[in-house]
C-alpha atoms as a PDB file:
ATOM      1  CA  UNK A   1     144.773 101.869 148.188  1.00  0.00           C
ATOM      2  CA  UNK A   2     144.902  99.603 151.230  1.00  0.00           C
ATOM      3  CA  UNK A   3     145.795 101.242 154.515  1.00  0.00           C
ATOM      4  CA  UNK A   4     148.828  98.977 154.897  1.00  0.00           C
ATOM      5  CA  UNK A   5     150.258 100.261 151.605  1.00  0.00           C
ATOM      6  CA  UNK A   6     149.558 103.855 152.557  1.00  0.00           C
ATOM      7  CA  UNK A   7     151.334 103.357 155.879  1.00  0.00           C
ATOM      8  CA  UNK A   8     154.302 101.878 154.039  1.00  0.00           C
ATOM      9  CA  UNK A   9     154.364 104.830 151.610  1.00  0.00           C
ATOM     10  CA  UNK A  10     154.424 107.174 154.617  1.00  0.00           C
ATOM     11  CA  UNK A  11     157.786 105.758 155.659  1.00  0.00           C
ATOM     12  CA  UNK A  12     160.098 108.299 154.129  1.00  0.00           C
ATOM     13  CA  UNK A  13     163.797 109.014 154.050  1.00  0.00           C
ATOM     14  CA  UNK A  14     163.346 112.037 156.300  1.00  0.00           C
ATOM     15  CA  UNK A  15     162.320 111.820 159.923  1.00  0.00           C
ATOM     16  CA  UNK A  16     160.541 115.189 159.642  1.00  0.00           C
ATOM     17  CA  UNK A  17     158.159 113.732 157.066  1.00  0.00           C
ATOM     18  CA  UNK A  18     157.652 110.490 158.994  1.00  0.00           C
ATOM     19  CA  UNK A  19     156.617 112.513 162.039  1.00  0.00           C
ATOM     20  CA  UNK A  20     153.967 114.295 159.962  1.00  0.00           C
ATOM     21  CA  UNK A  21     152.626 111.462 157.824  1.00  0.00           C
ATOM     22  CA  UNK A  22     152.438 108.484 160.152  1.00  0.00           C
ATOM     23  CA  UNK A  23     150.299 110.064 162.905  1.00  0.00           C
ATOM     24  CA  UNK A  24     148.053 111.691 160.287  1.00  0.00           C
ATOM     25  CA  UNK A  25     147.386 108.373 158.562  1.00  0.00           C
ATOM     26  CA  UNK A  26     146.743 106.598 161.853  1.00  0.00           C
ATOM     27  CA  UNK A  27     144.269 109.248 162.988  1.00  0.00           C
ATOM     28  CA  UNK A  28     142.521 110.315 159.781  1.00  0.00           C
ATOM     29  CA  UNK A  29     143.077 108.191 156.673  1.00  0.00           C
ATOM     30  CA  UNK A  30     140.241 105.708 157.099  1.00  0.00           C
ATOM     31  CA  UNK A  31     137.666 108.461 157.699  1.00  0.00           C
ATOM     32  CA  UNK A  32     138.779 110.601 154.745  1.00  0.00           C
ATOM     33  CA  UNK A  33     136.701 110.955 151.599  1.00  0.00           C
ATOM     34  CA  UNK A  34     137.754 108.930 148.556  1.00  0.00           C
ATOM     35  CA  UNK A  35     138.821 112.176 146.873  1.00  0.00           C
ATOM     36  CA  UNK A  36     141.041 113.154 149.809  1.00  0.00           C
ATOM     37  CA  UNK A  37     142.519 109.661 149.971  1.00  0.00           C
ATOM     38  CA  UNK A  38     143.374 109.873 146.282  1.00  0.00           C
ATOM     39  CA  UNK A  39     145.032 113.278 146.690  1.00  0.00           C
ATOM     40  CA  UNK A  40     146.984 112.089 149.737  1.00  0.00           C
ATOM     41  CA  UNK A  41     148.281 108.993 147.937  1.00  0.00           C
ATOM     42  CA  UNK A  42     149.297 111.115 144.924  1.00  0.00           C
ATOM     43  CA  UNK A  43     151.045 113.535 147.273  1.00  0.00           C
ATOM     44  CA  UNK A  44     153.050 110.645 148.706  1.00  0.00           C
ATOM     45  CA  UNK A  45     154.380 109.960 145.191  1.00  0.00           C
ATOM     46  CA  UNK A  46     156.323 113.236 145.284  1.00  0.00           C
ATOM     47  CA  UNK A  47     160.008 113.286 146.111  1.00  0.00           C
ATOM     48  CA  UNK A  48     161.127 113.882 149.695  1.00  0.00           C
ATOM     49  CA  UNK A  49     162.929 117.192 148.998  1.00  0.00           C
ATOM     50  CA  UNK A  50     159.770 118.627 147.419  1.00  0.00           C
ATOM     51  CA  UNK A  51     157.586 117.402 150.261  1.00  0.00           C
ATOM     52  CA  UNK A  52     160.008 118.755 152.852  1.00  0.00           C
ATOM     53  CA  UNK A  53     160.073 122.195 151.200  1.00  0.00           C
ATOM     54  CA  UNK A  54     156.263 122.335 150.988  1.00  0.00           C
ATOM     55  CA  UNK A  55     155.546 121.051 154.490  1.00  0.00           C
ATOM     56  CA  UNK A  56     158.187 123.240 156.132  1.00  0.00           C
ATOM     57  CA  UNK A  57     156.938 126.300 154.249  1.00  0.00           C
ATOM     58  CA  UNK A  58     160.157 126.893 152.319  1.00  0.00           C
ATOM     59  CA  UNK A  59     158.265 126.718 149.007  1.00  0.00           C
ATOM     60  CA  UNK A  60     154.642 127.036 147.929  1.00  0.00           C
ATOM     61  CA  UNK A  61     153.203 123.881 146.422  1.00  0.00           C
ATOM     62  CA  UNK A  62     152.040 124.654 142.864  1.00  0.00           C
ATOM     63  CA  UNK A  63     149.290 121.992 142.942  1.00  0.00           C
ATOM     64  CA  UNK A  64     146.170 123.422 144.675  1.00  0.00           C
ATOM     65  CA  UNK A  65     144.864 119.992 145.716  1.00  0.00           C
ATOM     66  CA  UNK A  66     148.238 119.088 147.239  1.00  0.00           C
ATOM     67  CA  UNK A  67     148.445 122.500 148.944  1.00  0.00           C
ATOM     68  CA  UNK A  68     145.066 121.892 150.602  1.00  0.00           C
ATOM     69  CA  UNK A  69     146.126 118.412 151.717  1.00  0.00           C
ATOM     70  CA  UNK A  70     149.352 119.830 153.154  1.00  0.00           C
ATOM     71  CA  UNK A  71     147.250 122.154 155.301  1.00  0.00           C
ATOM     72  CA  UNK A  72     145.159 119.198 156.481  1.00  0.00           C
ATOM     73  CA  UNK A  73     148.191 117.068 157.308  1.00  0.00           C
ATOM     74  CA  UNK A  74     149.860 119.907 159.172  1.00  0.00           C
ATOM     75  CA  UNK A  75     146.668 120.340 161.169  1.00  0.00           C
ATOM     76  CA  UNK A  76     146.140 123.962 160.291  1.00  0.00           C
ATOM     77  CA  UNK A  77     142.812 125.367 159.139  1.00  0.00           C
ATOM     78  CA  UNK A  78     142.615 126.673 155.595  1.00  0.00           C
ATOM     79  CA  UNK A  79     143.018 130.437 155.292  1.00  0.00           C
END
């Protein structure tokens, strides 16, 4: 997916998600592997309430690939 479309998809209905996604895409998207790019784009297809719950740690993401990407976006090393 083109970077411009990814940036557009990062514009969410929640400021908390915008603050996470937009800087991450600016800093890391172009240097990510194709596999990571694919996972990130699929993650962006999720609904805002789900994303908010996963990124804020209120719920555990059931998808292991998404869970790993959430760690990357949040800037925390994997455990």
